[in-house]
Amino acid sequence: MVSMFVLILLFAAPLSGQFSLISTTPSHGTTGVDTLATLSLTFNAPVDTTARFAYPGEFFLSLFFFPDSLVGEPDTITLSSDLKTVTIQGLHLAPETNYLFVIVDGVSLAGDSLDQPYPFLISTGPALPNGMVSGAVNYPGSSAEGSMVFFFERNPLEPGGGGTIRNGAVVGGSSGSYSADFMPGGTYWLVALQNFAIDETGEFAFIPGSAIGFYDPDGDAAPDSIIVPPGGQLSGINITLGSMDAVYARHNFPAILTLAHAWAGDAYPVAVYGDVEAEGNSYYWEYWFYSPLSAHFRSWVSFGEVVLQALSDSTLSTTLPLQQGWVDSDVAMAAAEAAGGSAYRSNNQDVSSDAALLRWYWGQPVKTIWLITYYSSTSAPLQLIIDALSGTPVGLEGAKPEMLPKEVALYPNYPNPFNPATTIRFALPEAMEVTAGIYNIAGQLVRTLFTGRRTAGVHSLMWDGTDDNGQPLASGIYLCRLQAGTHSAVRKMVLVR
């Protein structure tokens, strides 16, 4: 029932130009609220009632609440004569229930967007919990002010994870501090978000300029939980935000190399994959490492500057280490564009490209190469090989297709970005059980595309941008995850409404 909205943060606006929510009735912390309560929202400037947000129901304010259902629709919505107070009469709340409301956005008559989200907790029961969690959110090189910290009941990165959001707090001031009061006892995973959206299913989606951070005090790129005892007071629960803007392949490599060596001292990189723009940057990179002593693979993924351990461990068909000194993806893509990639883009429609850094070159596995592949809905794919040590194109003369590695492959979808549908292709070296699903950026499964057995060869699936209930999903970044036997692969897709 929740539609997409966009959160706009105005960090640099002068105080005279800020549009703020200054009070609510019931106020934060009110208990014994009548199930037919009237909610009043008072702003510091007149509200533009011609503005429209997709949630809730083409309303002129963007707001959401958890639990995300009412017993019935509100009775009426009115405005004060000065257009500063919005009154929602007859909320039809459930009895004995704690509600988290978040007023996300609105627009003043002067054209200013809400300066920051405004969360508040109320209860139709006799009391709210008395726990508290506090800490700070740091955003290196930027400001975390106006971000929100959410408390999930389950790990949001696990398939089907996240669950109910039990609380939320706004980051205030230049110190980045936050404090979430009325916390119930329990186990929680904390996620800090800046510049986010919510899709029709109530899931978080992201837009250019988004930032995200997880509570990860041990720095192992796997979110950690906190345990709040009933009435407990926890402090020092700190989170670091990272930009989700596109980066080059080497941008996060030093940090991931450190994580790999913490996992296994003998671990070395064997492959890097990404869906790349013409400039060589990508919102999503996948880094694979192998440990000879344990005979295991492990992979990490990056979303912009945010690094996370992959959802599950899988295997590759090669254990050959990448040679040191490989050129970054911008150098490789510049060479590929000059060697025919740019012409391919000009002569075809819906072009996307991916890059794979491999210790492989047909019959010469001693080479480390960038394999750049261009895809189009109007032409056959184009593959170009760039020597990863020199950054120069490598000729394809004499190459034999049958010498290509026979392994599971998930190709980029096309078109990408897409609307309303996209095609996803994958290759299997032999018949095997396959599961293909679509996940949102928080790692939650939103659509199962296929589960069953497929023969060897190249197969195609179509996704129409809807969830498992047939409801359209919001614009944003989604991940297609293929599990074929013990192999898994992930590709980034961008849905544009």
Protein backbone atom coordinates (compact mmCIF):
# COMPACT_ATOMS: atom_id res chain seq x y z
CA MET A 1 0.00 0.00 0.00
CA VAL A 2 3.02 2.28 0.20
CA SER A 3 4.06 4.22 -2.90
CA MET A 4 7.39 5.72 -3.77
CA PHE A 5 8.34 9.08 -2.33
CA VAL A 6 11.56 11.06 -2.59
CA LEU A 7 13.22 12.59 0.43
CA ILE A 8 14.86 15.97 -0.30
CA LEU A 9 17.41 17.29 2.17
CA LEU A 10 18.40 20.98 2.19
CA PHE A 11 21.62 21.09 4.16
CA ALA A 12 22.87 24.46 2.97
CA ALA A 13 19.62 26.44 2.97
CA PRO A 14 19.56 29.52 5.22
CA LEU A 15 17.22 29.41 8.18
CA SER A 16 14.92 31.99 6.61
CA GLY A 17 14.31 29.69 3.66
CA GLN A 18 13.71 26.45 5.55
CA PHE A 19 10.34 24.73 5.52
CA SER A 20 9.89 22.86 8.78
CA LEU A 21 7.34 20.83 10.66
CA ILE A 22 7.27 22.46 14.09
CA SER A 23 4.69 20.40 16.02
CA THR A 24 2.24 17.52 15.91
CA THR A 25 -0.87 16.67 17.88
CA PRO A 26 -0.69 14.05 19.34
CA SER A 27 2.93 14.85 20.05
CA HIS A 28 5.84 12.45 20.23
CA GLY A 29 5.44 10.11 23.20
CA THR A 30 1.69 10.52 23.67
CA THR A 31 -0.06 7.44 25.06
CA GLY A 32 -3.72 6.50 25.40
CA VAL A 33 -4.46 7.93 21.95
CA ASP A 34 -8.03 7.30 20.84
CA THR A 35 -8.35 4.91 17.90
CA LEU A 36 -10.35 7.62 16.10
CA ALA A 37 -7.79 10.29 16.93
CA THR A 38 -7.30 13.48 14.95
CA LEU A 39 -3.73 14.14 13.78
CA SER A 40 -2.65 17.77 13.35
CA LEU A 41 0.61 18.79 11.66
CA THR A 42 1.72 22.40 12.02
CA PHE A 43 4.39 23.87 9.73
CA ASN A 44 6.28 27.16 9.88
CA ALA A 45 4.97 28.27 6.48
CA PRO A 46 1.88 27.72 4.32
CA VAL A 47 1.67 24.30 2.68
CA ASP A 48 1.37 23.99 -1.09
CA THR A 49 -1.66 21.74 -1.49
CA THR A 50 -1.05 21.35 -5.23
CA ALA A 51 2.13 19.36 -4.56
CA ARG A 52 1.68 15.64 -5.03
CA PHE A 53 3.51 12.65 -3.59
CA ALA A 54 2.74 9.09 -4.57
CA TYR A 55 2.29 8.03 -0.97
CA PRO A 56 -0.21 8.10 0.52
CA GLY A 57 -2.70 8.20 -2.36
CA GLU A 58 -1.48 11.23 -4.30
CA PHE A 59 -1.47 13.32 -1.11
CA PHE A 60 0.24 16.73 -0.87
CA LEU A 61 2.41 15.47 2.00
CA SER A 62 4.70 12.46 1.95
CA LEU A 63 4.36 10.42 5.12
CA PHE A 64 4.44 6.81 6.18
CA PHE A 65 3.90 4.86 9.36
CA PHE A 66 4.59 1.49 10.97
CA PRO A 67 2.62 -0.71 11.43
CA ASP A 68 1.63 0.21 7.88
CA SER A 69 -2.11 -0.42 8.09
CA LEU A 70 -5.12 1.31 9.60
CA VAL A 71 -8.46 -0.15 10.61
CA GLY A 72 -10.05 2.23 8.10
CA GLU A 73 -9.31 5.27 5.97
CA PRO A 74 -9.16 8.70 7.67
CA ASP A 75 -12.51 10.51 7.73
CA THR A 76 -11.51 13.97 6.49
CA ILE A 77 -8.45 16.13 5.82
CA THR A 78 -8.67 19.89 6.35
CA LEU A 79 -6.33 22.90 6.47
CA SER A 80 -6.24 25.98 8.64
CA SER A 81 -7.02 29.35 7.08
CA ASP A 82 -3.31 30.21 6.96
CA LEU A 83 -2.52 26.83 5.33
CA LYS A 84 0.05 26.06 8.02
CA THR A 85 -1.82 23.31 9.88
CA VAL A 86 -3.00 20.09 8.25
CA THR A 87 -5.64 18.17 10.22
CA ILE A 88 -6.34 14.50 9.49
CA GLN A 89 -9.54 13.56 11.30
CA GLY A 90 -10.42 10.01 12.30
CA LEU A 91 -7.21 8.02 11.86
CA HIS A 92 -8.87 4.65 12.64
CA LEU A 93 -5.87 3.31 14.54
CA ALA A 94 -5.66 -0.21 15.90
CA PRO A 95 -6.12 -0.60 19.68
CA GLU A 96 -3.19 -1.32 22.00
CA THR A 97 -0.66 -0.51 19.26
CA ASN A 98 2.49 1.60 19.14
CA TYR A 99 2.78 3.65 15.93
CA LEU A 100 5.85 5.23 14.35
CA PHE A 101 4.88 8.08 11.99
CA VAL A 102 7.42 9.75 9.72
CA ILE A 103 6.55 12.95 7.87
CA VAL A 104 8.99 12.74 4.99
CA ASP A 105 8.37 15.64 2.66
CA GLY A 106 6.14 18.50 1.70
CA VAL A 107 6.41 21.76 -0.19
CA SER A 108 5.71 25.30 1.01
CA LEU A 109 3.97 27.92 -1.10
CA ALA A 110 7.42 29.50 -1.50
CA GLY A 111 8.64 26.29 -3.13
CA ASP A 112 10.84 25.04 -0.28
CA SER A 113 10.89 21.33 0.50
CA LEU A 114 10.73 20.01 4.04
CA ASP A 115 14.15 20.53 5.61
CA GLN A 116 14.29 17.08 7.22
CA PRO A 117 12.02 14.15 8.05
CA TYR A 118 10.02 14.32 11.25
CA PRO A 119 9.41 11.03 13.13
CA PHE A 120 7.16 10.66 16.16
CA LEU A 121 5.84 7.75 18.23
CA ILE A 122 2.36 7.51 19.72
CA SER A 123 0.42 4.65 21.29
CA THR A 124 -3.22 3.67 21.60
CA GLY A 125 -2.13 1.66 24.63
CA PRO A 126 -1.53 2.94 28.16
CA ALA A 127 2.26 3.23 27.93
CA LEU A 128 5.27 3.30 25.64
CA PRO A 129 8.53 1.41 26.34
CA ASN A 130 11.17 3.38 28.24
CA GLY A 131 14.37 2.19 26.55
CA MET A 132 16.73 4.52 24.69
CA VAL A 133 19.46 4.15 22.07
CA SER A 134 21.79 7.00 21.13
CA GLY A 135 24.91 7.55 19.08
CA ALA A 136 26.26 9.49 16.12
CA VAL A 137 26.16 9.16 12.35
CA ASN A 138 29.30 10.20 10.48
CA TYR A 139 29.39 11.02 6.76
CA PRO A 140 33.05 11.55 5.78
CA GLY A 141 33.42 14.56 3.51
CA SER A 142 29.79 15.56 3.92
CA SER A 143 27.10 16.17 6.52
CA ALA A 144 24.89 13.51 8.10
CA GLU A 145 22.43 16.11 9.37
CA GLY A 146 18.86 15.27 8.39
CA SER A 147 19.58 11.58 7.84
CA MET A 148 17.42 9.01 9.59
CA VAL A 149 18.36 5.97 11.65
CA PHE A 150 15.89 3.08 11.44
CA PHE A 151 15.66 0.11 13.79
CA PHE A 152 14.81 -3.16 12.00
CA GLU A 153 13.72 -6.33 13.79
CA ARG A 154 15.70 -8.51 11.33
CA ASN A 155 18.84 -8.12 9.24
CA PRO A 156 17.65 -6.11 6.22
CA LEU A 157 20.36 -7.57 3.96
CA GLU A 158 19.16 -11.14 4.26
CA PRO A 159 16.58 -12.35 1.70
CA GLY A 160 13.20 -11.64 3.23
CA GLY A 161 14.91 -9.70 6.00
CA GLY A 162 14.13 -6.37 7.56
CA GLY A 163 10.72 -7.01 9.04
CA THR A 164 8.99 -4.36 11.11
CA ILE A 165 10.67 -1.01 11.70
CA ARG A 166 10.16 -0.40 15.40
CA ASN A 167 11.68 3.05 15.76
CA GLY A 168 13.45 5.86 13.95
CA ALA A 169 15.42 8.97 14.82
CA VAL A 170 16.61 12.00 12.87
CA VAL A 171 20.26 12.97 12.91
CA GLY A 172 20.41 16.55 14.17
CA GLY A 173 23.11 19.19 14.15
CA SER A 174 26.66 19.18 12.86
CA SER A 175 27.72 16.62 15.48
CA GLY A 176 25.67 13.92 13.74
CA SER A 177 24.10 12.82 17.01
CA TYR A 178 20.79 10.98 17.25
CA SER A 179 18.67 9.61 20.08
CA ALA A 180 15.82 7.13 19.80
CA ASP A 181 13.64 7.06 22.89
CA PHE A 182 10.68 4.82 23.77
CA MET A 183 12.68 1.80 22.57
CA PRO A 184 11.14 -1.60 23.35
CA GLY A 185 13.42 -4.39 24.46
CA GLY A 186 14.63 -6.60 21.65
CA THR A 187 17.28 -7.25 19.01
CA TYR A 188 17.67 -4.65 16.27
CA TRP A 189 19.70 -3.93 13.15
CA LEU A 190 20.33 -0.23 12.57
CA VAL A 191 20.36 1.38 9.13
CA ALA A 192 21.07 5.06 8.48
CA LEU A 193 19.69 6.54 5.27
CA GLN A 194 20.08 9.82 3.46
CA ASN A 195 18.24 10.73 0.25
CA PHE A 196 16.05 7.66 0.03
CA ALA A 197 12.71 6.64 -1.43
CA ILE A 198 10.06 4.04 -0.62
CA ASP A 199 8.41 1.91 -3.28
CA GLU A 200 4.83 0.70 -3.58
CA THR A 201 5.51 -2.36 -1.42
CA GLY A 202 6.84 -0.29 1.46
CA GLU A 203 10.49 -1.11 0.80
CA PHE A 204 13.29 1.42 0.74
CA ALA A 205 14.56 2.44 -2.68
CA PHE A 206 17.42 4.75 -3.58
CA ILE A 207 18.04 7.66 -5.91
CA PRO A 208 21.13 9.52 -7.14
CA GLY A 209 22.80 11.13 -4.16
CA SER A 210 21.63 8.45 -1.74
CA ALA A 211 23.83 7.36 1.15
CA ILE A 212 23.50 4.39 3.46
CA GLY A 213 25.25 3.05 6.52
CA PHE A 214 24.89 0.03 8.79
CA TYR A 215 25.84 -0.52 12.39
CA ASP A 216 29.08 -2.46 11.94
CA PRO A 217 31.38 -1.78 14.91
CA ASP A 218 33.84 -4.56 14.02
CA GLY A 219 34.21 -3.24 10.45
CA ASP A 220 33.81 -6.64 8.81
CA ALA A 221 31.30 -5.35 6.21
CA ALA A 222 28.52 -7.45 7.75
CA PRO A 223 25.82 -5.58 9.71
CA ASP A 224 25.74 -6.28 13.44
CA SER A 225 22.76 -6.20 15.77
CA ILE A 226 22.23 -4.58 19.13
CA ILE A 227 20.30 -6.02 22.05
CA VAL A 228 18.20 -3.56 24.01
CA PRO A 229 17.14 -4.91 27.42
CA PRO A 230 13.67 -3.82 28.58
CA GLY A 231 14.17 -0.26 29.76
CA GLY A 232 17.81 -0.38 28.69
CA GLN A 233 19.83 2.73 27.86
CA LEU A 234 22.44 2.15 25.13
CA SER A 235 24.86 4.84 23.98
CA GLY A 236 27.74 5.03 21.53
CA ILE A 237 25.87 3.16 18.79
CA ASN A 238 27.64 4.86 15.90
CA ILE A 239 27.16 4.48 12.14
CA THR A 240 29.17 5.71 9.15
CA LEU A 241 27.38 6.69 5.94
CA GLY A 242 28.78 5.96 2.51
CA SER A 243 27.77 7.48 -0.81
CA MET A 244 26.04 5.22 -3.30
CA ASP A 245 27.35 7.15 -6.31
CA ALA A 246 29.13 5.20 -9.04
CA VAL A 247 32.87 4.51 -8.56
CA TYR A 248 35.74 2.85 -10.43
CA ALA A 249 36.80 -0.72 -9.69
CA ARG A 250 39.87 0.21 -7.66
CA HIS A 251 38.01 2.70 -5.46
CA ASN A 252 37.01 0.14 -2.82
CA PHE A 253 39.62 -2.50 -3.63
CA PRO A 254 42.10 -1.63 -0.82
CA ALA A 255 39.36 -1.86 1.81
CA ILE A 256 38.06 -5.12 0.38
CA LEU A 257 41.58 -6.56 0.22
CA THR A 258 41.92 -5.83 3.94
CA LEU A 259 38.61 -7.59 4.61
CA ALA A 260 39.71 -10.58 2.54
CA HIS A 261 42.97 -10.92 4.47
CA ALA A 262 41.05 -10.68 7.73
CA TRP A 263 38.95 -13.60 6.50
CA ALA A 264 41.97 -15.63 5.33
CA GLY A 265 45.58 -14.50 5.45
CA ASP A 266 46.37 -16.32 2.19
CA ALA A 267 43.36 -14.98 0.29
CA TYR A 268 44.02 -13.41 -3.11
CA PRO A 269 41.74 -11.82 -5.74
CA VAL A 270 40.61 -13.96 -8.66
CA ALA A 271 37.96 -11.81 -10.36
CA VAL A 272 36.20 -8.44 -10.37
CA TYR A 273 32.86 -7.87 -12.09
CA GLY A 274 30.74 -4.79 -12.68
CA ASP A 275 28.07 -3.27 -14.90
CA VAL A 276 29.91 -0.23 -16.18
CA GLU A 277 29.12 3.10 -17.77
CA ALA A 278 31.13 4.36 -20.73
CA GLU A 279 33.45 6.16 -18.31
CA GLY A 280 34.24 2.91 -16.47
CA ASN A 281 32.37 3.65 -13.27
CA SER A 282 29.65 1.50 -11.76
CA TYR A 283 27.14 1.60 -8.92
CA TYR A 284 27.81 -2.08 -8.29
CA TRP A 285 31.05 -4.08 -8.19
CA GLU A 286 31.62 -7.68 -7.17
CA TYR A 287 35.05 -8.83 -5.88
CA TRP A 288 35.98 -12.52 -5.64
CA PHE A 289 38.78 -13.97 -3.51
CA TYR A 290 40.13 -17.48 -3.01
CA SER A 291 41.94 -19.03 -0.04
CA PRO A 292 44.12 -22.06 -0.96
CA LEU A 293 44.44 -23.18 2.67
CA SER A 294 40.69 -23.36 3.21
CA ALA A 295 39.89 -24.13 -0.45
CA HIS A 296 37.02 -21.65 -0.24
CA PHE A 297 35.87 -18.59 -2.16
CA ARG A 298 34.40 -15.45 -0.66
CA SER A 299 33.05 -12.36 -2.36
CA TRP A 300 32.26 -8.80 -1.40
CA VAL A 301 30.05 -6.33 -3.21
CA SER A 302 30.12 -2.57 -3.25
CA PHE A 303 27.25 -0.16 -3.81
CA GLY A 304 29.07 3.07 -4.47
CA GLU A 305 31.34 3.50 -1.45
CA VAL A 306 29.43 1.03 0.71
CA VAL A 307 31.10 -2.39 0.98
CA LEU A 308 29.22 -5.48 2.15
CA GLN A 309 30.01 -9.16 2.35
CA ALA A 310 28.02 -11.09 -0.27
CA LEU A 311 24.82 -12.78 0.83
CA SER A 312 26.27 -16.26 0.43
CA ASP A 313 29.50 -18.01 -0.45
CA SER A 314 29.74 -19.56 -3.92
CA THR A 315 32.48 -20.76 -6.24
CA LEU A 316 34.15 -19.82 -9.51
CA SER A 317 35.74 -22.14 -12.03
CA THR A 318 39.15 -20.48 -11.69
CA THR A 319 41.55 -20.08 -8.79
CA LEU A 320 44.25 -18.23 -10.75
CA PRO A 321 45.27 -15.03 -8.93
CA LEU A 322 44.96 -11.65 -10.61
CA GLN A 323 48.32 -10.09 -11.36
CA GLN A 324 49.18 -6.98 -9.39
CA GLY A 325 49.21 -3.60 -11.08
CA TRP A 326 46.04 -4.00 -13.12
CA VAL A 327 44.72 -0.79 -14.64
CA ASP A 328 41.53 0.67 -13.26
CA SER A 329 38.19 0.31 -15.00
CA ASP A 330 38.26 3.86 -16.40
CA VAL A 331 41.49 3.09 -18.29
CA ALA A 332 40.10 -0.23 -19.53
CA MET A 333 36.83 1.33 -20.70
CA ALA A 334 38.62 4.20 -22.43
CA ALA A 335 40.61 1.64 -24.41
CA ALA A 336 37.49 -0.40 -25.16
CA GLU A 337 35.52 2.65 -26.28
CA ALA A 338 38.34 3.63 -28.65
CA ALA A 339 38.60 0.08 -29.98
CA GLY A 340 34.98 -0.12 -31.11
CA GLY A 341 32.81 0.33 -28.05
CA SER A 342 31.96 3.95 -28.80
CA ALA A 343 30.92 3.07 -32.35
CA TYR A 344 28.78 0.21 -31.00
CA ARG A 345 26.98 2.67 -28.71
CA SER A 346 26.40 5.09 -31.58
CA ASN A 347 25.06 2.45 -33.96
CA ASN A 348 22.78 0.55 -31.58
CA GLN A 349 19.96 1.15 -29.14
CA ASP A 350 19.61 0.37 -25.42
CA VAL A 351 23.34 -0.29 -25.04
CA SER A 352 24.70 -1.53 -21.73
CA SER A 353 28.13 -2.86 -20.89
CA ASP A 354 29.85 -4.96 -18.29
CA ALA A 355 33.46 -5.47 -17.32
CA ALA A 356 35.16 -8.57 -15.95
CA LEU A 357 38.72 -8.54 -14.63
CA LEU A 358 40.04 -12.09 -15.06
CA ARG A 359 43.25 -14.10 -15.13
CA TRP A 360 42.28 -15.59 -18.45
CA TYR A 361 42.84 -15.16 -22.15
CA TRP A 362 41.61 -18.20 -23.99
CA GLY A 363 44.63 -20.51 -24.15
CA GLN A 364 46.87 -18.11 -22.20
CA PRO A 365 45.76 -18.07 -18.56
CA VAL A 366 48.95 -16.21 -17.59
CA LYS A 367 47.36 -12.97 -18.81
CA THR A 368 45.21 -10.74 -16.64
CA ILE A 369 42.64 -9.07 -18.85
CA TRP A 370 39.62 -6.85 -18.76
CA LEU A 371 36.85 -8.54 -20.75
CA ILE A 372 34.48 -5.75 -21.82
CA THR A 373 31.13 -6.83 -23.25
CA TYR A 374 28.61 -4.51 -24.89
CA TYR A 375 24.95 -5.51 -25.19
CA SER A 376 22.12 -4.05 -27.22
CA SER A 377 18.51 -4.95 -27.93
CA THR A 378 19.18 -4.33 -31.64
CA SER A 379 22.50 -6.13 -32.23
CA ALA A 380 24.63 -9.07 -31.19
CA PRO A 381 26.95 -8.46 -28.22
CA LEU A 382 30.43 -7.04 -28.80
CA GLN A 383 33.36 -8.37 -26.75
CA LEU A 384 36.65 -6.53 -26.42
CA ILE A 385 39.71 -7.64 -24.48
CA ILE A 386 42.02 -5.15 -22.79
CA ASP A 387 45.39 -6.16 -21.40
CA ALA A 388 44.90 -5.33 -17.72
CA LEU A 389 48.59 -4.54 -17.14
CA SER A 390 49.20 -2.26 -20.13
CA GLY A 391 45.68 -0.96 -20.73
CA THR A 392 45.88 -1.70 -24.46
CA PRO A 393 43.46 -3.72 -26.60
CA VAL A 394 44.36 -7.32 -27.34
CA GLY A 395 43.57 -8.70 -30.81
CA LEU A 396 40.94 -11.40 -31.12
CA GLU A 397 42.46 -13.08 -34.17
CA GLY A 398 42.62 -16.86 -33.83
CA ALA A 399 40.40 -16.96 -30.77
CA LYS A 400 38.21 -20.03 -30.65
CA PRO A 401 34.78 -19.70 -29.05
CA GLU A 402 34.88 -23.26 -27.76
CA MET A 403 37.86 -22.29 -25.60
CA LEU A 404 35.77 -19.82 -23.58
CA PRO A 405 35.42 -20.85 -19.91
CA LYS A 406 32.48 -23.18 -19.51
CA GLU A 407 30.88 -21.75 -16.40
CA VAL A 408 27.67 -20.24 -15.14
CA ALA A 409 27.23 -16.67 -16.37
CA LEU A 410 24.61 -14.01 -15.73
CA TYR A 411 24.64 -11.38 -18.47
CA PRO A 412 23.53 -7.76 -18.07
CA ASN A 413 19.86 -7.20 -18.68
CA TYR A 414 18.76 -5.17 -21.65
CA PRO A 415 17.56 -2.56 -21.89
CA ASN A 416 19.13 -1.06 -18.78
CA PRO A 417 17.82 1.32 -17.48
CA PHE A 418 14.42 -0.03 -18.48
CA ASN A 419 10.70 0.69 -18.50
CA PRO A 420 8.43 -1.22 -18.48
CA ALA A 421 10.27 -4.55 -18.98
CA THR A 422 13.76 -5.96 -19.40
CA THR A 423 15.30 -9.24 -20.59
CA ILE A 424 17.75 -11.18 -18.43
CA ARG A 425 20.03 -13.79 -20.03
CA PHE A 426 22.10 -16.46 -18.32
CA ALA A 427 24.31 -19.33 -19.46
CA LEU A 428 24.66 -22.82 -17.99
CA PRO A 429 27.53 -25.22 -18.79
CA GLU A 430 25.28 -28.19 -17.99
CA ALA A 431 21.74 -28.94 -16.90
CA MET A 432 21.18 -27.83 -13.32
CA GLU A 433 18.70 -26.45 -10.82
CA VAL A 434 18.29 -22.70 -11.15
CA THR A 435 16.72 -19.98 -9.01
CA ALA A 436 16.48 -16.42 -10.30
CA GLY A 437 15.10 -13.60 -8.16
CA ILE A 438 14.91 -9.82 -8.00
CA TYR A 439 16.05 -8.05 -4.83
CA ASN A 440 15.82 -4.46 -3.76
CA ILE A 441 18.96 -2.61 -2.75
CA ALA A 442 18.46 -3.62 0.89
CA GLY A 443 18.72 -7.29 -0.09
CA GLN A 444 15.03 -8.10 0.23
CA LEU A 445 13.48 -10.50 -2.30
CA VAL A 446 10.70 -8.72 -4.20
CA ARG A 447 10.13 -11.07 -7.16
CA THR A 448 10.92 -14.72 -7.90
CA LEU A 449 11.45 -15.05 -11.66
CA PHE A 450 12.19 -18.76 -11.97
CA THR A 451 12.79 -21.85 -9.87
CA GLY A 452 13.43 -25.17 -11.55
CA ARG A 453 15.76 -27.13 -13.82
CA ARG A 454 17.21 -25.75 -17.05
CA THR A 455 19.32 -27.42 -19.72
CA ALA A 456 22.82 -26.39 -20.78
CA GLY A 457 22.92 -23.29 -22.97
CA VAL A 458 21.82 -19.67 -22.91
CA HIS A 459 18.39 -18.87 -21.48
CA SER A 460 16.30 -15.72 -21.18
CA LEU A 461 13.88 -14.40 -18.58
CA MET A 462 11.71 -11.30 -18.70
CA TRP A 463 10.95 -9.01 -15.76
CA ASP A 464 8.18 -6.46 -16.03
CA GLY A 465 9.12 -4.39 -12.99
CA THR A 466 6.46 -5.86 -10.69
CA ASP A 467 6.69 -7.74 -7.40
CA ASP A 468 5.38 -11.22 -6.59
CA ASN A 469 1.90 -9.75 -6.09
CA GLY A 470 1.88 -8.15 -9.53
CA GLN A 471 2.23 -4.65 -8.09
CA PRO A 472 4.50 -2.18 -9.93
CA LEU A 473 7.74 -1.40 -8.12
CA ALA A 474 9.13 2.10 -7.83
CA SER A 475 11.99 3.56 -9.81
CA GLY A 476 15.37 2.62 -8.41
CA ILE A 477 18.24 0.15 -8.37
CA TYR A 478 17.40 -3.57 -8.17
CA LEU A 479 19.56 -6.68 -8.19
CA CYS A 480 18.98 -9.86 -10.16
CA ARG A 481 20.49 -12.83 -8.33
CA LEU A 482 21.03 -16.14 -10.12
CA GLN A 483 21.71 -19.30 -8.15
CA ALA A 484 22.69 -22.25 -10.38
CA GLY A 485 23.96 -25.27 -8.49
CA THR A 486 26.76 -24.00 -6.25
CA HIS A 487 27.32 -20.92 -8.41
CA SER A 488 25.73 -17.53 -7.87
CA ALA A 489 25.90 -14.22 -9.69
CA VAL A 490 24.36 -10.79 -9.24
CA ARG A 491 23.61 -8.02 -11.72
CA LYS A 492 22.43 -4.46 -11.12
CA MET A 493 19.33 -3.17 -12.92
CA VAL A 494 17.82 0.31 -12.97
CA LEU A 495 14.04 0.67 -13.25
CA VAL A 496 12.92 4.11 -14.44
CA ARG A 497 9.23 4.99 -14.24
